[in-house]
Amino acid sequence: MGAGAHPLYRHGDSAVHRAPAEVKIVCLLVFVLAVVATPREMFWPFAVYALIVVAVWQLARIPLRWILPRMLIEAPFLVLALLLPFAEGGERVEVAGLQLSVAGLYAAWGIVVKGTLGVAAALTLAATTAAVELPAALSRLGVPAVVTSVLVLMIRYIDLLAAEAGRMRMARISRGDSPRALHQVRAIATGIGALFLRSYERGERVYHSMLSRGFDGSVPDLAVIGAPPRAVPVQWALTMIPAVAAVSVSVSAWVIR
């Protein structure tokens, strides 16, 4: 992994990339809370939220062909949401010859649209924020140093685990394994278990290496190492525009509901 990079980071020099990380984190949290608080029976607010996200993508120069495939991470939740209209009770409505629950349809719609917007906003933050910016940003937001250190180490080693899984998969294929065949489920499960054990052993080796270099159990404040300057009021005001717009839309939705 390159310096300051992580798997979801997209290099760029846009205004969104240059915005302070701590402000972008707060903006994301406020935006997601506004989306979640919006009544699911209202449809127009979610269209406005989507326009806000797309506008930020345009400002950050993030193409749809780059970000849309990465949103497939929410696919399992979408599949679960599609089952709700069949499982919920109450009033039913006929859609394409199927008797579906009205409450289930609203519940599925709420999960799909709010989950999709949340994932899109989170990916936007990840795509425009380098890993080296996170320690200082989290520290300035009051996150404990131990949590910051765990997060930074997780980002650092996720690429190593992905590479290890790729090597294990390649080794199975070179020995005649077919990952798509149903009868290979046991081999795949065994490989996952082996990857877990290797990860645990790697963590122990890293810990012993830290002890040999004088680690005494106290977590250093990573925010003081190469920290960028703090955000000024103008940066807060400009970067929080999407969040303020989302809050305004959410409040308007409740007022005219």
C-alpha atoms as a PDB file:
ATOM      1  CA  MET A   1       0.000   0.000   0.000  1.00  0.00           C
ATOM      2  CA  GLY A   2       1.386   3.350  -0.976  1.00  0.00           C
ATOM      3  CA  ALA A   3       2.089   6.004   1.568  1.00  0.00           C
ATOM      4  CA  GLY A   4      -1.105   7.551   2.797  1.00  0.00           C
ATOM      5  CA  ALA A   5      -3.269   5.368   0.557  1.00  0.00           C
ATOM      6  CA  HIS A   6      -5.882   2.722   1.279  1.00  0.00           C
ATOM      7  CA  PRO A   7      -7.935   0.463  -1.014  1.00  0.00           C
ATOM      8  CA  LEU A   8     -10.806   2.936  -1.419  1.00  0.00           C
ATOM      9  CA  TYR A   9      -8.738   6.092  -1.827  1.00  0.00           C
ATOM     10  CA  ARG A  10      -8.707   7.785  -5.222  1.00  0.00           C
ATOM     11  CA  HIS A  11      -5.851  10.199  -5.788  1.00  0.00           C
ATOM     12  CA  GLY A  12      -6.918  13.677  -6.787  1.00  0.00           C
ATOM     13  CA  ASP A  13      -6.397  17.374  -6.208  1.00  0.00           C
ATOM     14  CA  SER A  14      -9.966  18.596  -5.999  1.00  0.00           C
ATOM     15  CA  ALA A  15     -11.459  20.924  -3.399  1.00  0.00           C
ATOM     16  CA  VAL A  16     -13.000  17.892  -1.681  1.00  0.00           C
ATOM     17  CA  HIS A  17      -9.616  16.160  -1.454  1.00  0.00           C
ATOM     18  CA  ARG A  18      -8.054  19.281   0.054  1.00  0.00           C
ATOM     19  CA  ALA A  19     -10.804  19.782   2.642  1.00  0.00           C
ATOM     20  CA  PRO A  20      -9.745  18.961   6.237  1.00  0.00           C
ATOM     21  CA  ALA A  21     -10.465  15.355   7.140  1.00  0.00           C
ATOM     22  CA  GLU A  22     -12.112  16.155  10.485  1.00  0.00           C
ATOM     23  CA  VAL A  23     -14.644  18.410   8.769  1.00  0.00           C
ATOM     24  CA  LYS A  24     -15.424  15.767   6.155  1.00  0.00           C
ATOM     25  CA  ILE A  25     -16.032  13.191   8.900  1.00  0.00           C
ATOM     26  CA  VAL A  26     -18.471  15.496  10.698  1.00  0.00           C
ATOM     27  CA  CYS A  27     -20.138  16.328   7.380  1.00  0.00           C
ATOM     28  CA  LEU A  28     -20.607  12.615   6.673  1.00  0.00           C
ATOM     29  CA  LEU A  29     -22.132  11.924  10.098  1.00  0.00           C
ATOM     30  CA  VAL A  30     -24.561  14.850   9.848  1.00  0.00           C
ATOM     31  CA  PHE A  31     -25.537  13.915   6.290  1.00  0.00           C
ATOM     32  CA  VAL A  32     -26.222  10.274   7.219  1.00  0.00           C
ATOM     33  CA  LEU A  33     -28.227  11.285  10.301  1.00  0.00           C
ATOM     34  CA  ALA A  34     -30.329  13.624   8.167  1.00  0.00           C
ATOM     35  CA  VAL A  35     -30.995  10.847   5.646  1.00  0.00           C
ATOM     36  CA  VAL A  36     -31.913   8.339   8.355  1.00  0.00           C
ATOM     37  CA  ALA A  37     -34.225  10.834  10.071  1.00  0.00           C
ATOM     38  CA  THR A  38     -36.197  11.505   6.883  1.00  0.00           C
ATOM     39  CA  PRO A  39     -39.648   9.861   6.790  1.00  0.00           C
ATOM     40  CA  ARG A  40     -39.533   6.887   4.470  1.00  0.00           C
ATOM     41  CA  GLU A  41     -43.011   7.713   3.141  1.00  0.00           C
ATOM     42  CA  MET A  42     -41.572  10.829   1.502  1.00  0.00           C
ATOM     43  CA  PHE A  43     -39.860  10.259  -1.840  1.00  0.00           C
ATOM     44  CA  TRP A  44     -38.641  13.654  -3.047  1.00  0.00           C
ATOM     45  CA  PRO A  45     -36.126  14.226  -0.200  1.00  0.00           C
ATOM     46  CA  PHE A  46     -34.132  11.159  -1.211  1.00  0.00           C
ATOM     47  CA  ALA A  47     -33.905  12.419  -4.776  1.00  0.00           C
ATOM     48  CA  VAL A  48     -32.448  15.671  -3.412  1.00  0.00           C
ATOM     49  CA  TYR A  49     -29.975  13.711  -1.264  1.00  0.00           C
ATOM     50  CA  ALA A  50     -28.875  11.774  -4.342  1.00  0.00           C
ATOM     51  CA  LEU A  51     -28.328  15.036  -6.227  1.00  0.00           C
ATOM     52  CA  ILE A  52     -26.182  16.308  -3.350  1.00  0.00           C
ATOM     53  CA  VAL A  53     -24.018  13.181  -3.434  1.00  0.00           C
ATOM     54  CA  VAL A  54     -23.655  13.331  -7.230  1.00  0.00           C
ATOM     55  CA  ALA A  55     -22.728  17.006  -7.017  1.00  0.00           C
ATOM     56  CA  VAL A  56     -19.944  16.161  -4.533  1.00  0.00           C
ATOM     57  CA  TRP A  57     -18.755  13.389  -6.877  1.00  0.00           C
ATOM     58  CA  GLN A  58     -18.554  15.913  -9.688  1.00  0.00           C
ATOM     59  CA  LEU A  59     -16.658  18.373  -7.501  1.00  0.00           C
ATOM     60  CA  ALA A  60     -14.257  15.626  -6.393  1.00  0.00           C
ATOM     61  CA  ARG A  61     -13.908  14.347  -9.990  1.00  0.00           C
ATOM     62  CA  ILE A  62     -14.997  10.832  -9.022  1.00  0.00           C
ATOM     63  CA  PRO A  63     -16.400   9.032 -12.110  1.00  0.00           C
ATOM     64  CA  LEU A  64     -19.440   6.789 -11.758  1.00  0.00           C
ATOM     65  CA  ARG A  65     -17.569   3.852 -13.327  1.00  0.00           C
ATOM     66  CA  TRP A  66     -15.148   3.991 -10.385  1.00  0.00           C
ATOM     67  CA  ILE A  67     -17.545   4.338  -7.475  1.00  0.00           C
ATOM     68  CA  LEU A  68     -20.595   2.323  -8.584  1.00  0.00           C
ATOM     69  CA  PRO A  69     -18.826  -1.095  -8.579  1.00  0.00           C
ATOM     70  CA  ARG A  70     -17.611  -0.405  -5.045  1.00  0.00           C
ATOM     71  CA  MET A  71     -21.179   0.163  -3.901  1.00  0.00           C
ATOM     72  CA  LEU A  72     -21.905  -3.525  -4.493  1.00  0.00           C
ATOM     73  CA  ILE A  73     -20.767  -4.045  -0.911  1.00  0.00           C
ATOM     74  CA  GLU A  74     -24.360  -3.373   0.140  1.00  0.00           C
ATOM     75  CA  ALA A  75     -25.795  -6.087  -2.142  1.00  0.00           C
ATOM     76  CA  PRO A  76     -26.504  -8.598   0.701  1.00  0.00           C
ATOM     77  CA  PHE A  77     -28.565  -5.990   2.552  1.00  0.00           C
ATOM     78  CA  LEU A  78     -30.533  -5.191  -0.592  1.00  0.00           C
ATOM     79  CA  VAL A  79     -31.383  -8.858  -1.044  1.00  0.00           C
ATOM     80  CA  LEU A  80     -32.648  -8.983   2.549  1.00  0.00           C
ATOM     81  CA  ALA A  81     -34.730  -5.853   2.017  1.00  0.00           C
ATOM     82  CA  LEU A  82     -36.403  -7.364  -1.059  1.00  0.00           C
ATOM     83  CA  LEU A  83     -37.809 -10.133   1.130  1.00  0.00           C
ATOM     84  CA  LEU A  84     -39.649  -7.758   3.461  1.00  0.00           C
ATOM     85  CA  PRO A  85     -42.707  -7.154   1.212  1.00  0.00           C
ATOM     86  CA  PHE A  86     -43.349 -10.900   1.286  1.00  0.00           C
ATOM     87  CA  ALA A  87     -42.682 -11.414   5.008  1.00  0.00           C
ATOM     88  CA  GLU A  88     -44.487  -8.425   6.557  1.00  0.00           C
ATOM     89  CA  GLY A  89     -48.171  -8.569   7.456  1.00  0.00           C
ATOM     90  CA  GLY A  90     -50.916  -5.977   7.405  1.00  0.00           C
ATOM     91  CA  GLU A  91     -52.523  -4.367   4.364  1.00  0.00           C
ATOM     92  CA  ARG A  92     -51.648  -6.007   1.055  1.00  0.00           C
ATOM     93  CA  VAL A  93     -51.386  -4.615  -2.452  1.00  0.00           C
ATOM     94  CA  GLU A  94     -51.111  -6.438  -5.765  1.00  0.00           C
ATOM     95  CA  VAL A  95     -47.953  -5.720  -7.780  1.00  0.00           C
ATOM     96  CA  ALA A  96     -47.292  -7.680 -10.989  1.00  0.00           C
ATOM     97  CA  GLY A  97     -49.631 -10.409  -9.798  1.00  0.00           C
ATOM     98  CA  LEU A  98     -47.980 -10.683  -6.371  1.00  0.00           C
ATOM     99  CA  GLN A  99     -49.652  -9.859  -3.074  1.00  0.00           C
ATOM    100  CA  LEU A 100     -47.171  -7.643  -1.222  1.00  0.00           C
ATOM    101  CA  SER A 101     -47.336  -6.007   2.182  1.00  0.00           C
ATOM    102  CA  VAL A 102     -47.645  -2.211   2.121  1.00  0.00           C
ATOM    103  CA  ALA A 103     -45.647  -1.919   5.343  1.00  0.00           C
ATOM    104  CA  GLY A 104     -43.064  -4.296   3.910  1.00  0.00           C
ATOM    105  CA  LEU A 105     -42.750  -2.224   0.738  1.00  0.00           C
ATOM    106  CA  TYR A 106     -42.150   0.945   2.753  1.00  0.00           C
ATOM    107  CA  ALA A 107     -39.647  -0.882   4.970  1.00  0.00           C
ATOM    108  CA  ALA A 108     -37.776  -2.260   1.953  1.00  0.00           C
ATOM    109  CA  TRP A 109     -37.770   1.144   0.278  1.00  0.00           C
ATOM    110  CA  GLY A 110     -36.409   2.772   3.435  1.00  0.00           C
ATOM    111  CA  ILE A 111     -33.597   0.239   3.819  1.00  0.00           C
ATOM    112  CA  VAL A 112     -32.617   0.375   0.153  1.00  0.00           C
ATOM    113  CA  VAL A 113     -32.620   4.138  -0.331  1.00  0.00           C
ATOM    114  CA  LYS A 114     -31.140   5.081   3.041  1.00  0.00           C
ATOM    115  CA  GLY A 115     -28.539   2.331   2.886  1.00  0.00           C
ATOM    116  CA  THR A 116     -27.543   3.266  -0.650  1.00  0.00           C
ATOM    117  CA  LEU A 117     -27.170   6.945   0.204  1.00  0.00           C
ATOM    118  CA  GLY A 118     -25.190   6.102   3.337  1.00  0.00           C
ATOM    119  CA  VAL A 119     -22.806   3.835   1.446  1.00  0.00           C
ATOM    120  CA  ALA A 120     -22.399   6.413  -1.321  1.00  0.00           C
ATOM    121  CA  ALA A 121     -21.570   9.148   1.191  1.00  0.00           C
ATOM    122  CA  ALA A 122     -19.127   6.918   3.087  1.00  0.00           C
ATOM    123  CA  LEU A 123     -17.370   5.908  -0.136  1.00  0.00           C
ATOM    124  CA  THR A 124     -17.073   9.582  -1.056  1.00  0.00           C
ATOM    125  CA  LEU A 125     -15.284  10.268   2.211  1.00  0.00           C
ATOM    126  CA  ALA A 126     -13.014   7.249   1.736  1.00  0.00           C
ATOM    127  CA  ALA A 127     -12.224   8.195  -1.862  1.00  0.00           C
ATOM    128  CA  THR A 128     -11.124  11.707  -0.932  1.00  0.00           C
ATOM    129  CA  THR A 129      -9.392  11.150   2.428  1.00  0.00           C
ATOM    130  CA  ALA A 130      -5.927   9.605   2.712  1.00  0.00           C
ATOM    131  CA  ALA A 131      -5.096   7.296   5.597  1.00  0.00           C
ATOM    132  CA  VAL A 132      -2.395   9.639   6.908  1.00  0.00           C
ATOM    133  CA  GLU A 133      -5.053  12.288   7.551  1.00  0.00           C
ATOM    134  CA  LEU A 134      -7.155  10.095   9.826  1.00  0.00           C
ATOM    135  CA  PRO A 135      -5.115  10.095  13.077  1.00  0.00           C
ATOM    136  CA  ALA A 136      -5.066  13.881  13.386  1.00  0.00           C
ATOM    137  CA  ALA A 137      -8.701  14.194  12.300  1.00  0.00           C
ATOM    138  CA  LEU A 138      -9.971  11.613  14.797  1.00  0.00           C
ATOM    139  CA  SER A 139      -7.863  13.061  17.598  1.00  0.00           C
ATOM    140  CA  ARG A 140      -9.224  16.559  16.975  1.00  0.00           C
ATOM    141  CA  LEU A 141     -12.740  15.122  17.145  1.00  0.00           C
ATOM    142  CA  GLY A 142     -12.026  13.655  20.584  1.00  0.00           C
ATOM    143  CA  VAL A 143     -11.614   9.997  19.608  1.00  0.00           C
ATOM    144  CA  PRO A 144      -9.385   8.128  22.141  1.00  0.00           C
ATOM    145  CA  ALA A 145      -5.821   7.422  20.989  1.00  0.00           C
ATOM    146  CA  VAL A 146      -6.258   3.650  21.344  1.00  0.00           C
ATOM    147  CA  VAL A 147      -9.226   3.673  18.939  1.00  0.00           C
ATOM    148  CA  THR A 148      -7.285   5.793  16.479  1.00  0.00           C
ATOM    149  CA  SER A 149      -4.326   3.410  16.586  1.00  0.00           C
ATOM    150  CA  VAL A 150      -6.515   0.349  16.036  1.00  0.00           C
ATOM    151  CA  LEU A 151      -8.193   2.006  13.052  1.00  0.00           C
ATOM    152  CA  VAL A 152      -4.888   3.038  11.478  1.00  0.00           C
ATOM    153  CA  LEU A 153      -3.417  -0.453  11.918  1.00  0.00           C
ATOM    154  CA  MET A 154      -6.561  -2.003  10.438  1.00  0.00           C
ATOM    155  CA  ILE A 155      -6.283   0.198   7.345  1.00  0.00           C
ATOM    156  CA  ARG A 156      -2.573  -0.611   7.089  1.00  0.00           C
ATOM    157  CA  TYR A 157      -3.009  -4.381   7.187  1.00  0.00           C
ATOM    158  CA  ILE A 158      -6.205  -4.862   5.190  1.00  0.00           C
ATOM    159  CA  ASP A 159      -4.174  -4.801   1.974  1.00  0.00           C
ATOM    160  CA  LEU A 160      -1.836  -7.453   3.367  1.00  0.00           C
ATOM    161  CA  LEU A 161      -4.760  -9.732   4.198  1.00  0.00           C
ATOM    162  CA  ALA A 162      -6.297  -9.195   0.757  1.00  0.00           C
ATOM    163  CA  ALA A 163      -2.973 -10.058  -0.896  1.00  0.00           C
ATOM    164  CA  GLU A 164      -2.646 -13.170   1.261  1.00  0.00           C
ATOM    165  CA  ALA A 165      -6.162 -14.283   0.299  1.00  0.00           C
ATOM    166  CA  GLY A 166      -5.300 -13.731  -3.365  1.00  0.00           C
ATOM    167  CA  ARG A 167      -2.183 -15.876  -3.090  1.00  0.00           C
ATOM    168  CA  MET A 168      -4.124 -18.657  -1.373  1.00  0.00           C
ATOM    169  CA  ARG A 169      -6.781 -18.552  -4.099  1.00  0.00           C
ATOM    170  CA  MET A 170      -4.146 -18.681  -6.826  1.00  0.00           C
ATOM    171  CA  ALA A 171      -2.496 -21.649  -5.118  1.00  0.00           C
ATOM    172  CA  ARG A 172      -5.818 -23.547  -5.051  1.00  0.00           C
ATOM    173  CA  ILE A 173      -6.505 -22.814  -8.718  1.00  0.00           C
ATOM    174  CA  SER A 174      -3.011 -23.923  -9.743  1.00  0.00           C
ATOM    175  CA  ARG A 175      -3.723 -27.250  -8.060  1.00  0.00           C
ATOM    176  CA  GLY A 176      -6.933 -27.864  -9.993  1.00  0.00           C
ATOM    177  CA  ASP A 177      -9.427 -26.193  -7.668  1.00  0.00           C
ATOM    178  CA  SER A 178     -12.547 -24.591  -9.160  1.00  0.00           C
ATOM    179  CA  PRO A 179     -13.759 -21.843  -6.774  1.00  0.00           C
ATOM    180  CA  ARG A 180     -17.167 -21.671  -8.480  1.00  0.00           C
ATOM    181  CA  ALA A 181     -17.914 -25.381  -8.090  1.00  0.00           C
ATOM    182  CA  LEU A 182     -20.305 -26.228  -5.264  1.00  0.00           C
ATOM    183  CA  HIS A 183     -18.294 -29.255  -4.167  1.00  0.00           C
ATOM    184  CA  GLN A 184     -15.348 -26.960  -3.371  1.00  0.00           C
ATOM    185  CA  VAL A 185     -17.202 -25.210  -0.543  1.00  0.00           C
ATOM    186  CA  ARG A 186     -15.326 -27.251   2.051  1.00  0.00           C
ATOM    187  CA  ALA A 187     -11.956 -26.280   0.564  1.00  0.00           C
ATOM    188  CA  ILE A 188     -12.938 -22.629   0.469  1.00  0.00           C
ATOM    189  CA  ALA A 189     -14.094 -22.758   4.100  1.00  0.00           C
ATOM    190  CA  THR A 190     -10.809 -24.404   5.074  1.00  0.00           C
ATOM    191  CA  GLY A 191      -8.928 -21.641   3.271  1.00  0.00           C
ATOM    192  CA  ILE A 192     -10.864 -18.985   5.181  1.00  0.00           C
ATOM    193  CA  GLY A 193      -9.963 -20.707   8.442  1.00  0.00           C
ATOM    194  CA  ALA A 194      -6.309 -20.850   7.441  1.00  0.00           C
ATOM    195  CA  LEU A 195      -6.382 -17.163   6.542  1.00  0.00           C
ATOM    196  CA  PHE A 196      -7.810 -16.368   9.982  1.00  0.00           C
ATOM    197  CA  LEU A 197      -5.036 -18.341  11.688  1.00  0.00           C
ATOM    198  CA  ARG A 198      -2.372 -16.649   9.582  1.00  0.00           C
ATOM    199  CA  SER A 199      -3.815 -13.252  10.413  1.00  0.00           C
ATOM    200  CA  TYR A 200      -3.803 -14.087  14.119  1.00  0.00           C
ATOM    201  CA  GLU A 201      -0.192 -15.260  13.925  1.00  0.00           C
ATOM    202  CA  ARG A 202       0.782 -12.115  11.998  1.00  0.00           C
ATOM    203  CA  GLY A 203      -0.821  -9.997  14.693  1.00  0.00           C
ATOM    204  CA  GLU A 204       1.194 -11.809  17.373  1.00  0.00           C
ATOM    205  CA  ARG A 205       4.423 -11.265  15.429  1.00  0.00           C
ATOM    206  CA  VAL A 206       3.639  -7.565  15.041  1.00  0.00           C
ATOM    207  CA  TYR A 207       2.893  -7.291  18.761  1.00  0.00           C
ATOM    208  CA  HIS A 208       6.164  -9.004  19.721  1.00  0.00           C
ATOM    209  CA  SER A 209       8.003  -6.706  17.320  1.00  0.00           C
ATOM    210  CA  MET A 210       6.432  -3.723  19.054  1.00  0.00           C
ATOM    211  CA  LEU A 211       7.500  -5.064  22.463  1.00  0.00           C
ATOM    212  CA  SER A 212      11.076  -5.559  21.250  1.00  0.00           C
ATOM    213  CA  ARG A 213      11.117  -1.894  20.195  1.00  0.00           C
ATOM    214  CA  GLY A 214      10.061  -0.609  23.604  1.00  0.00           C
ATOM    215  CA  PHE A 215       6.267  -0.690  23.455  1.00  0.00           C
ATOM    216  CA  ASP A 216       5.000  -0.480  27.064  1.00  0.00           C
ATOM    217  CA  GLY A 217       1.246  -0.707  26.482  1.00  0.00           C
ATOM    218  CA  SER A 218       0.560   3.013  26.228  1.00  0.00           C
ATOM    219  CA  VAL A 219      -0.690   4.227  22.875  1.00  0.00           C
ATOM    220  CA  PRO A 220       1.125   7.246  21.402  1.00  0.00           C
ATOM    221  CA  ASP A 221      -0.850  10.169  20.092  1.00  0.00           C
ATOM    222  CA  LEU A 222      -0.549   9.606  16.363  1.00  0.00           C
ATOM    223  CA  ALA A 223      -2.116  12.985  15.679  1.00  0.00           C
ATOM    224  CA  VAL A 224       1.137  14.815  16.391  1.00  0.00           C
ATOM    225  CA  ILE A 225       3.053  12.901  13.709  1.00  0.00           C
ATOM    226  CA  GLY A 226       2.975  14.880  10.473  1.00  0.00           C
ATOM    227  CA  ALA A 227      -0.380  16.432  11.338  1.00  0.00           C
ATOM    228  CA  PRO A 228      -1.847  18.879   8.791  1.00  0.00           C
ATOM    229  CA  PRO A 229      -3.012  22.302  10.022  1.00  0.00           C
ATOM    230  CA  ARG A 230      -6.348  22.587  11.779  1.00  0.00           C
ATOM    231  CA  ALA A 231      -9.431  23.569   9.831  1.00  0.00           C
ATOM    232  CA  VAL A 232     -10.264  27.262   9.841  1.00  0.00           C
ATOM    233  CA  PRO A 233     -13.861  28.582  10.099  1.00  0.00           C
ATOM    234  CA  VAL A 234     -14.069  29.208   6.347  1.00  0.00           C
ATOM    235  CA  GLN A 235     -13.182  25.570   5.633  1.00  0.00           C
ATOM    236  CA  TRP A 236     -15.812  24.391   8.121  1.00  0.00           C
ATOM    237  CA  ALA A 237     -18.442  26.588   6.497  1.00  0.00           C
ATOM    238  CA  LEU A 238     -17.687  25.468   2.934  1.00  0.00           C
ATOM    239  CA  THR A 239     -17.197  21.761   3.639  1.00  0.00           C
ATOM    240  CA  MET A 240     -20.371  21.482   5.719  1.00  0.00           C
ATOM    241  CA  ILE A 241     -22.582  22.798   2.889  1.00  0.00           C
ATOM    242  CA  PRO A 242     -23.779  19.280   1.821  1.00  0.00           C
ATOM    243  CA  ALA A 243     -24.619  18.397   5.426  1.00  0.00           C
ATOM    244  CA  VAL A 244     -26.478  21.664   6.018  1.00  0.00           C
ATOM    245  CA  ALA A 245     -28.426  21.140   2.804  1.00  0.00           C
ATOM    246  CA  ALA A 246     -29.340  17.601   3.876  1.00  0.00           C
ATOM    247  CA  VAL A 247     -30.525  18.797   7.291  1.00  0.00           C
ATOM    248  CA  SER A 248     -32.661  21.480   5.611  1.00  0.00           C
ATOM    249  CA  VAL A 249     -34.241  18.878   3.333  1.00  0.00           C
ATOM    250  CA  SER A 250     -34.947  16.545   6.272  1.00  0.00           C
ATOM    251  CA  VAL A 251     -36.551  19.304   8.335  1.00  0.00           C
ATOM    252  CA  SER A 252     -38.633  20.400   5.346  1.00  0.00           C
ATOM    253  CA  ALA A 253     -39.838  16.844   4.830  1.00  0.00           C
ATOM    254  CA  TRP A 254     -41.110  16.649   8.405  1.00  0.00           C
ATOM    255  CA  VAL A 255     -42.743  20.091   8.197  1.00  0.00           C
ATOM    256  CA  ILE A 256     -44.758  19.377   5.031  1.00  0.00           C
ATOM    257  CA  ARG A 257     -45.408  15.712   5.813  1.00  0.00           C
END
